[in-house]
PDB file of N, CA and C in Angstrom:
ATOM      1  N   UNK A   1      58.087  23.298 159.875  1.00  0.00           N
ATOM      2  CA  UNK A   1      58.026  25.040 159.511  1.00  0.00           C
ATOM      3  C   UNK A   1      56.305  25.541 160.488  1.00  0.00           C
ATOM      4  N   UNK A   2      57.071  26.406 160.944  1.00  0.00           N
ATOM      5  CA  UNK A   2      55.427  26.749 161.691  1.00  0.00           C
ATOM      6  C   UNK A   2      54.946  28.100 160.847  1.00  0.00           C
ATOM      7  N   UNK A   3      53.616  27.999 160.786  1.00  0.00           N
ATOM      8  CA  UNK A   3      52.494  28.634 160.460  1.00  0.00           C
ATOM      9  C   UNK A   3      52.725  30.207 160.836  1.00  0.00           C
ATOM     10  N   UNK A   4      52.049  31.239 160.277  1.00  0.00           N
ATOM     11  CA  UNK A   4      52.041  32.375 161.272  1.00  0.00           C
ATOM     12  C   UNK A   4      50.934  32.089 161.767  1.00  0.00           C
ATOM     13  N   UNK A   5      49.778  31.590 161.312  1.00  0.00           N
ATOM     14  CA  UNK A   5      48.626  31.155 162.545  1.00  0.00           C
ATOM     15  C   UNK A   5      48.814  31.024 163.435  1.00  0.00           C
ATOM     16  N   UNK A   6      49.913  29.572 163.490  1.00  0.00           N
ATOM     17  CA  UNK A   6      50.543  29.117 164.877  1.00  0.00           C
ATOM     18  C   UNK A   6      51.320  30.123 165.508  1.00  0.00           C
ATOM     19  N   UNK A   7      51.799  30.955 165.294  1.00  0.00           N
ATOM     20  CA  UNK A   7      52.928  31.764 165.554  1.00  0.00           C
ATOM     21  C   UNK A   7      52.001  32.664 166.370  1.00  0.00           C
ATOM     22  N   UNK A   8      50.907  33.417 165.939  1.00  0.00           N
ATOM     23  CA  UNK A   8      49.948  34.611 166.417  1.00  0.00           C
ATOM     24  C   UNK A   8      49.619  33.825 167.441  1.00  0.00           C
ATOM     25  N   UNK A   9      49.604  32.861 167.978  1.00  0.00           N
ATOM     26  CA  UNK A   9      48.989  32.351 169.148  1.00  0.00           C
ATOM     27  C   UNK A   9      50.386  32.285 170.616  1.00  0.00           C
ATOM     28  N   UNK A  10      50.849  32.587 170.335  1.00  0.00           N
ATOM     29  CA  UNK A  10      51.946  32.455 171.020  1.00  0.00           C
ATOM     30  C   UNK A  10      52.150  33.866 171.484  1.00  0.00           C
ATOM     31  N   UNK A  11      52.599  33.978 173.269  1.00  0.00           N
ATOM     32  CA  UNK A  11      53.096  35.774 173.194  1.00  0.00           C
ATOM     33  C   UNK A  11      54.258  36.137 173.438  1.00  0.00           C
ATOM     34  N   UNK A  12      54.516  37.226 173.437  1.00  0.00           N
ATOM     35  CA  UNK A  12      55.934  37.788 173.349  1.00  0.00           C
ATOM     36  C   UNK A  12      57.233  37.020 174.033  1.00  0.00           C
ATOM     37  N   UNK A  13      57.239  36.190 174.972  1.00  0.00           N
ATOM     38  CA  UNK A  13      58.375  35.680 175.119  1.00  0.00           C
ATOM     39  C   UNK A  13      58.448  34.364 174.664  1.00  0.00           C
ATOM     40  N   UNK A  14      57.430  33.546 174.360  1.00  0.00           N
ATOM     41  CA  UNK A  14      57.346  32.236 173.460  1.00  0.00           C
ATOM     42  C   UNK A  14      57.662  32.883 171.857  1.00  0.00           C
ATOM     43  N   UNK A  15      57.696  33.919 171.646  1.00  0.00           N
ATOM     44  CA  UNK A  15      58.187  34.354 170.375  1.00  0.00           C
ATOM     45  C   UNK A  15      59.527  34.508 170.478  1.00  0.00           C
ATOM     46  N   UNK A  16      59.709  35.216 171.244  1.00  0.00           N
ATOM     47  CA  UNK A  16      61.315  35.703 171.254  1.00  0.00           C
ATOM     48  C   UNK A  16      62.293  34.355 171.283  1.00  0.00           C
ATOM     49  N   UNK A  17      61.379  33.347 172.220  1.00  0.00           N
ATOM     50  CA  UNK A  17      62.099  31.735 172.294  1.00  0.00           C
ATOM     51  C   UNK A  17      62.440  31.281 170.826  1.00  0.00           C
ATOM     52  N   UNK A  18      61.439  31.048 170.024  1.00  0.00           N
ATOM     53  CA  UNK A  18      61.424  30.782 169.129  1.00  0.00           C
ATOM     54  C   UNK A  18      62.403  31.570 168.240  1.00  0.00           C
ATOM     55  N   UNK A  19      62.362  32.847 168.196  1.00  0.00           N
ATOM     56  CA  UNK A  19      63.169  33.590 167.087  1.00  0.00           C
ATOM     57  C   UNK A  19      65.073  33.195 167.813  1.00  0.00           C
ATOM     58  N   UNK A  20      65.162  33.317 168.461  1.00  0.00           N
ATOM     59  CA  UNK A  20      66.418  32.977 169.479  1.00  0.00           C
ATOM     60  C   UNK A  20      66.853  31.417 168.526  1.00  0.00           C
ATOM     61  N   UNK A  21      66.258  30.407 168.667  1.00  0.00           N
ATOM     62  CA  UNK A  21      66.167  29.178 168.532  1.00  0.00           C
ATOM     63  C   UNK A  21      66.378  29.216 166.661  1.00  0.00           C
ATOM     64  N   UNK A  22      65.495  29.805 166.254  1.00  0.00           N
ATOM     65  CA  UNK A  22      65.231  29.978 164.498  1.00  0.00           C
ATOM     66  C   UNK A  22      67.076  30.473 164.279  1.00  0.00           C
ATOM     67  N   UNK A  23      67.398  31.611 164.710  1.00  0.00           N
ATOM     68  CA  UNK A  23      68.519  32.353 164.917  1.00  0.00           C
ATOM     69  C   UNK A  23      70.113  31.083 164.630  1.00  0.00           C
ATOM     70  N   UNK A  24      69.812  30.876 165.799  1.00  0.00           N
ATOM     71  CA  UNK A  24      70.808  29.654 166.010  1.00  0.00           C
ATOM     72  C   UNK A  24      71.129  28.448 165.033  1.00  0.00           C
ATOM     73  N   UNK A  25      69.473  28.219 164.807  1.00  0.00           N
ATOM     74  CA  UNK A  25      69.716  26.841 163.875  1.00  0.00           C
ATOM     75  C   UNK A  25      70.440  27.067 162.840  1.00  0.00           C
ATOM     76  N   UNK A  26      70.025  28.626 162.015  1.00  0.00           N
ATOM     77  CA  UNK A  26      70.497  29.270 160.745  1.00  0.00           C
ATOM     78  C   UNK A  26      71.922  29.910 160.699  1.00  0.00           C
ATOM     79  N   UNK A  27      72.601  29.843 162.308  1.00  0.00           N
ATOM     80  CA  UNK A  27      73.339  29.737 162.300  1.00  0.00           C
ATOM     81  C   UNK A  27      74.539  28.439 162.029  1.00  0.00           C
ATOM     82  N   UNK A  28      74.110  27.333 162.599  1.00  0.00           N
ATOM     83  CA  UNK A  28      74.606  26.371 162.709  1.00  0.00           C
ATOM     84  C   UNK A  28      74.455  25.570 161.151  1.00  0.00           C
ATOM     85  N   UNK A  29      73.272  26.236 160.559  1.00  0.00           N
ATOM     86  CA  UNK A  29      73.265  25.177 159.321  1.00  0.00           C
ATOM     87  C   UNK A  29      74.364  26.174 158.109  1.00  0.00           C
ATOM     88  N   UNK A  30      74.620  27.364 158.624  1.00  0.00           N
ATOM     89  CA  UNK A  30      75.176  28.161 157.890  1.00  0.00           C
ATOM     90  C   UNK A  30      76.774  27.278 158.003  1.00  0.00           C
ATOM     91  N   UNK A  31      77.098  27.537 159.252  1.00  0.00           N
ATOM     92  CA  UNK A  31      78.530  26.558 159.424  1.00  0.00           C
ATOM     93  C   UNK A  31      78.373  25.221 158.876  1.00  0.00           C
ATOM     94  N   UNK A  32      77.555  24.444 158.622  1.00  0.00           N
ATOM     95  CA  UNK A  32      77.556  23.663 158.135  1.00  0.00           C
ATOM     96  C   UNK A  32      78.007  23.441 156.389  1.00  0.00           C
ATOM     97  N   UNK A  33      77.048  24.183 156.420  1.00  0.00           N
ATOM     98  CA  UNK A  33      77.182  24.750 154.540  1.00  0.00           C
ATOM     99  C   UNK A  33      78.880  25.096 153.993  1.00  0.00           C
ATOM    100  N   UNK A  34      79.472  26.064 155.293  1.00  0.00           N
ATOM    101  CA  UNK A  34      80.682  26.212 155.019  1.00  0.00           C
ATOM    102  C   UNK A  34      81.561  25.539 154.811  1.00  0.00           C
ATOM    103  N   UNK A  35      81.471  24.100 156.117  1.00  0.00           N
ATOM    104  CA  UNK A  35      82.098  22.633 156.241  1.00  0.00           C
ATOM    105  C   UNK A  35      81.950  21.563 154.810  1.00  0.00           C
ATOM    106  N   UNK A  36      80.745  22.057 154.567  1.00  0.00           N
ATOM    107  CA  UNK A  36      80.721  20.835 153.794  1.00  0.00           C
ATOM    108  C   UNK A  36      79.965  19.935 154.394  1.00  0.00           C
ATOM    109  N   UNK A  37      79.276  20.107 155.168  1.00  0.00           N
ATOM    110  CA  UNK A  37      78.461  18.433 155.833  1.00  0.00           C
ATOM    111  C   UNK A  37      77.108  18.778 156.263  1.00  0.00           C
ATOM    112  N   UNK A  38      76.641  19.717 155.476  1.00  0.00           N
ATOM    113  CA  UNK A  38      75.384  20.035 154.770  1.00  0.00           C
ATOM    114  C   UNK A  38      74.650  19.076 153.979  1.00  0.00           C
ATOM    115  N   UNK A  39      73.189  18.018 154.341  1.00  0.00           N
ATOM    116  CA  UNK A  39      73.147  17.396 152.893  1.00  0.00           C
ATOM    117  C   UNK A  39      71.082  18.023 153.049  1.00  0.00           C
ATOM    118  N   UNK A  40      70.900  18.562 153.882  1.00  0.00           N
ATOM    119  CA  UNK A  40      69.584  19.694 153.062  1.00  0.00           C
ATOM    120  C   UNK A  40      69.996  20.552 153.208  1.00  0.00           C
ATOM    121  N   UNK A  41      70.057  21.477 151.834  1.00  0.00           N
ATOM    122  CA  UNK A  41      70.199  22.395 151.881  1.00  0.00           C
ATOM    123  C   UNK A  41      69.308  23.584 152.040  1.00  0.00           C
ATOM    124  N   UNK A  42      68.040  23.144 151.083  1.00  0.00           N
ATOM    125  CA  UNK A  42      66.478  24.115 151.422  1.00  0.00           C
ATOM    126  C   UNK A  42      66.375  24.331 152.399  1.00  0.00           C
ATOM    127  N   UNK A  43      66.776  23.604 153.892  1.00  0.00           N
ATOM    128  CA  UNK A  43      66.543  24.079 155.420  1.00  0.00           C
ATOM    129  C   UNK A  43      66.866  25.766 155.404  1.00  0.00           C
ATOM    130  N   UNK A  44      67.791  25.680 154.898  1.00  0.00           N
ATOM    131  CA  UNK A  44      68.630  27.365 154.905  1.00  0.00           C
ATOM    132  C   UNK A  44      67.062  28.314 155.008  1.00  0.00           C
ATOM    133  N   UNK A  45      66.301  28.053 154.064  1.00  0.00           N
ATOM    134  CA  UNK A  45      65.341  29.053 153.622  1.00  0.00           C
ATOM    135  C   UNK A  45      64.459  28.922 153.938  1.00  0.00           C
ATOM    136  N   UNK A  46      64.044  27.828 154.319  1.00  0.00           N
ATOM    137  CA  UNK A  46      63.026  27.238 155.258  1.00  0.00           C
ATOM    138  C   UNK A  46      63.068  28.186 157.010  1.00  0.00           C
ATOM    139  N   UNK A  47      64.113  28.216 157.199  1.00  0.00           N
ATOM    140  CA  UNK A  47      64.245  28.673 158.770  1.00  0.00           C
ATOM    141  C   UNK A  47      64.413  30.549 158.428  1.00  0.00           C
ATOM    142  N   UNK A  48      65.013  30.717 157.097  1.00  0.00           N
ATOM    143  CA  UNK A  48      65.094  31.532 157.346  1.00  0.00           C
ATOM    144  C   UNK A  48      63.792  32.755 156.845  1.00  0.00           C
ATOM    145  N   UNK A  49      62.625  31.764 156.233  1.00  0.00           N
ATOM    146  CA  UNK A  49      61.216  32.565 156.465  1.00  0.00           C
ATOM    147  C   UNK A  49      60.821  32.826 157.589  1.00  0.00           C
ATOM    148  N   UNK A  50      60.998  31.467 158.275  1.00  0.00           N
ATOM    149  CA  UNK A  50      60.805  31.370 159.745  1.00  0.00           C
ATOM    150  C   UNK A  50      60.877  32.505 160.557  1.00  0.00           C
ATOM    151  N   UNK A  51      62.478  32.767 160.524  1.00  0.00           N
ATOM    152  CA  UNK A  51      62.509  33.958 160.820  1.00  0.00           C
ATOM    153  C   UNK A  51      61.970  35.538 160.834  1.00  0.00           C
ATOM    154  N   UNK A  52      61.162  35.740 158.790  1.00  0.00           N
ATOM    155  CA  UNK A  52      61.175  36.366 158.832  1.00  0.00           C
ATOM    156  C   UNK A  52      59.543  36.694 158.952  1.00  0.00           C
ATOM    157  N   UNK A  53      58.905  35.402 159.299  1.00  0.00           N
ATOM    158  CA  UNK A  53      57.338  35.301 160.136  1.00  0.00           C
ATOM    159  C   UNK A  53      57.461  36.010 161.250  1.00  0.00           C
ATOM    160  N   UNK A  54      58.263  35.515 162.384  1.00  0.00           N
ATOM    161  CA  UNK A  54      58.307  36.207 163.713  1.00  0.00           C
ATOM    162  C   UNK A  54      58.610  37.019 163.265  1.00  0.00           C
ATOM    163  N   UNK A  55      59.450  37.882 163.169  1.00  0.00           N
ATOM    164  CA  UNK A  55      60.089  39.241 162.653  1.00  0.00           C
ATOM    165  C   UNK A  55      59.076  39.836 162.535  1.00  0.00           C
ATOM    166  N   UNK A  56      58.404  39.686 161.632  1.00  0.00           N
ATOM    167  CA  UNK A  56      56.974  40.337 160.821  1.00  0.00           C
ATOM    168  C   UNK A  56      55.549  40.471 162.357  1.00  0.00           C
ATOM    169  N   UNK A  57      55.737  39.482 162.820  1.00  0.00           N
ATOM    170  CA  UNK A  57      54.509  39.610 163.951  1.00  0.00           C
ATOM    171  C   UNK A  57      55.151  40.012 164.868  1.00  0.00           C
ATOM    172  N   UNK A  58      56.483  40.168 165.058  1.00  0.00           N
ATOM    173  CA  UNK A  58      56.342  41.425 166.180  1.00  0.00           C
ATOM    174  C   UNK A  58      56.858  42.638 165.636  1.00  0.00           C
ATOM    175  N   UNK A  59      56.492  43.505 164.725  1.00  0.00           N
ATOM    176  CA  UNK A  59      56.225  44.353 163.972  1.00  0.00           C
ATOM    177  C   UNK A  59      54.751  44.806 163.843  1.00  0.00           C
ATOM    178  N   UNK A  60      53.944  43.907 163.738  1.00  0.00           N
ATOM    179  CA  UNK A  60      52.824  44.081 163.838  1.00  0.00           C
ATOM    180  C   UNK A  60      51.990  44.604 164.922  1.00  0.00           C
ATOM    181  N   UNK A  61      52.979  43.384 165.939  1.00  0.00           N
ATOM    182  CA  UNK A  61      52.401  43.859 167.509  1.00  0.00           C
ATOM    183  C   UNK A  61      52.658  44.897 168.171  1.00  0.00           C
ATOM    184  N   UNK A  62      54.145  45.260 167.570  1.00  0.00           N
ATOM    185  CA  UNK A  62      55.090  46.799 167.846  1.00  0.00           C
ATOM    186  C   UNK A  62      54.100  47.786 167.576  1.00  0.00           C
ATOM    187  N   UNK A  63      53.439  47.781 165.976  1.00  0.00           N
ATOM    188  CA  UNK A  63      52.730  49.063 165.250  1.00  0.00           C
ATOM    189  C   UNK A  63      50.984  49.078 166.111  1.00  0.00           C
ATOM    190  N   UNK A  64      50.584  47.835 166.597  1.00  0.00           N
ATOM    191  CA  UNK A  64      49.326  48.028 167.032  1.00  0.00           C
ATOM    192  C   UNK A  64      49.486  48.472 168.695  1.00  0.00           C
ATOM    193  N   UNK A  65      50.471  48.046 169.357  1.00  0.00           N
ATOM    194  CA  UNK A  65      50.753  48.756 170.283  1.00  0.00           C
ATOM    195  C   UNK A  65      51.159  50.339 170.875  1.00  0.00           C
ATOM    196  N   UNK A  66      51.616  50.893 169.443  1.00  0.00           N
ATOM    197  CA  UNK A  66      51.960  52.354 169.165  1.00  0.00           C
ATOM    198  C   UNK A  66      50.855  52.786 168.924  1.00  0.00           C
ATOM    199  N   UNK A  67      50.040  52.011 167.981  1.00  0.00           N
ATOM    200  CA  UNK A  67      48.584  52.651 167.896  1.00  0.00           C
ATOM    201  C   UNK A  67      47.823  53.474 169.152  1.00  0.00           C
ATOM    202  N   UNK A  68      48.158  51.934 169.457  1.00  0.00           N
ATOM    203  CA  UNK A  68      46.658  51.766 170.162  1.00  0.00           C
ATOM    204  C   UNK A  68      47.030  52.842 172.201  1.00  0.00           C
ATOM    205  N   UNK A  69      48.337  52.837 172.152  1.00  0.00           N
ATOM    206  CA  UNK A  69      48.704  54.073 173.243  1.00  0.00           C
ATOM    207  C   UNK A  69      48.550  55.566 172.701  1.00  0.00           C
ATOM    208  N   UNK A  70      49.096  55.545 171.851  1.00  0.00           N
ATOM    209  CA  UNK A  70      49.314  57.206 170.437  1.00  0.00           C
ATOM    210  C   UNK A  70      47.766  57.419 171.100  1.00  0.00           C
ATOM    211  N   UNK A  71      48.048  59.167 171.229  1.00  0.00           N
ATOM    212  CA  UNK A  71      46.259  59.417 171.305  1.00  0.00           C
ATOM    213  C   UNK A  71      46.882  61.074 170.726  1.00  0.00           C
ATOM    214  N   UNK A  72      46.041  60.844 169.490  1.00  0.00           N
ATOM    215  CA  UNK A  72      46.508  62.790 168.987  1.00  0.00           C
ATOM    216  C   UNK A  72      44.992  63.345 169.284  1.00  0.00           C
ATOM    217  N   UNK A  73      45.286  64.760 169.850  1.00  0.00           N
ATOM    218  CA  UNK A  73      43.899  65.739 170.061  1.00  0.00           C
ATOM    219  C   UNK A  73      43.799  66.211 169.036  1.00  0.00           C
ATOM    220  N   UNK A  74      42.990  66.601 167.833  1.00  0.00           N
ATOM    221  CA  UNK A  74      42.862  67.660 167.107  1.00  0.00           C
ATOM    222  C   UNK A  74      41.858  69.096 167.209  1.00  0.00           C
ATOM    223  N   UNK A  75      42.444  69.864 166.850  1.00  0.00           N
ATOM    224  CA  UNK A  75      41.036  71.198 166.799  1.00  0.00           C
ATOM    225  C   UNK A  75      41.512  72.137 167.984  1.00  0.00           C
TER     226      UNK A  75
END
């Protein structure tokens, strides 16, 4: 399980790679569950939470990037 602090240290490309790997793992776990070959069912929840952490970090970075580039002039 990867902690959010560790994920924050990664750059955008590495974060996308982690997201892709986690989604592939989740697909494989669901496939194993459907075929009755999954031994550790709790791993599905762990991978789902890791995906949620990564997506949350991407959203935060996007919000910070938009807030930094948009300037509004009042008056």
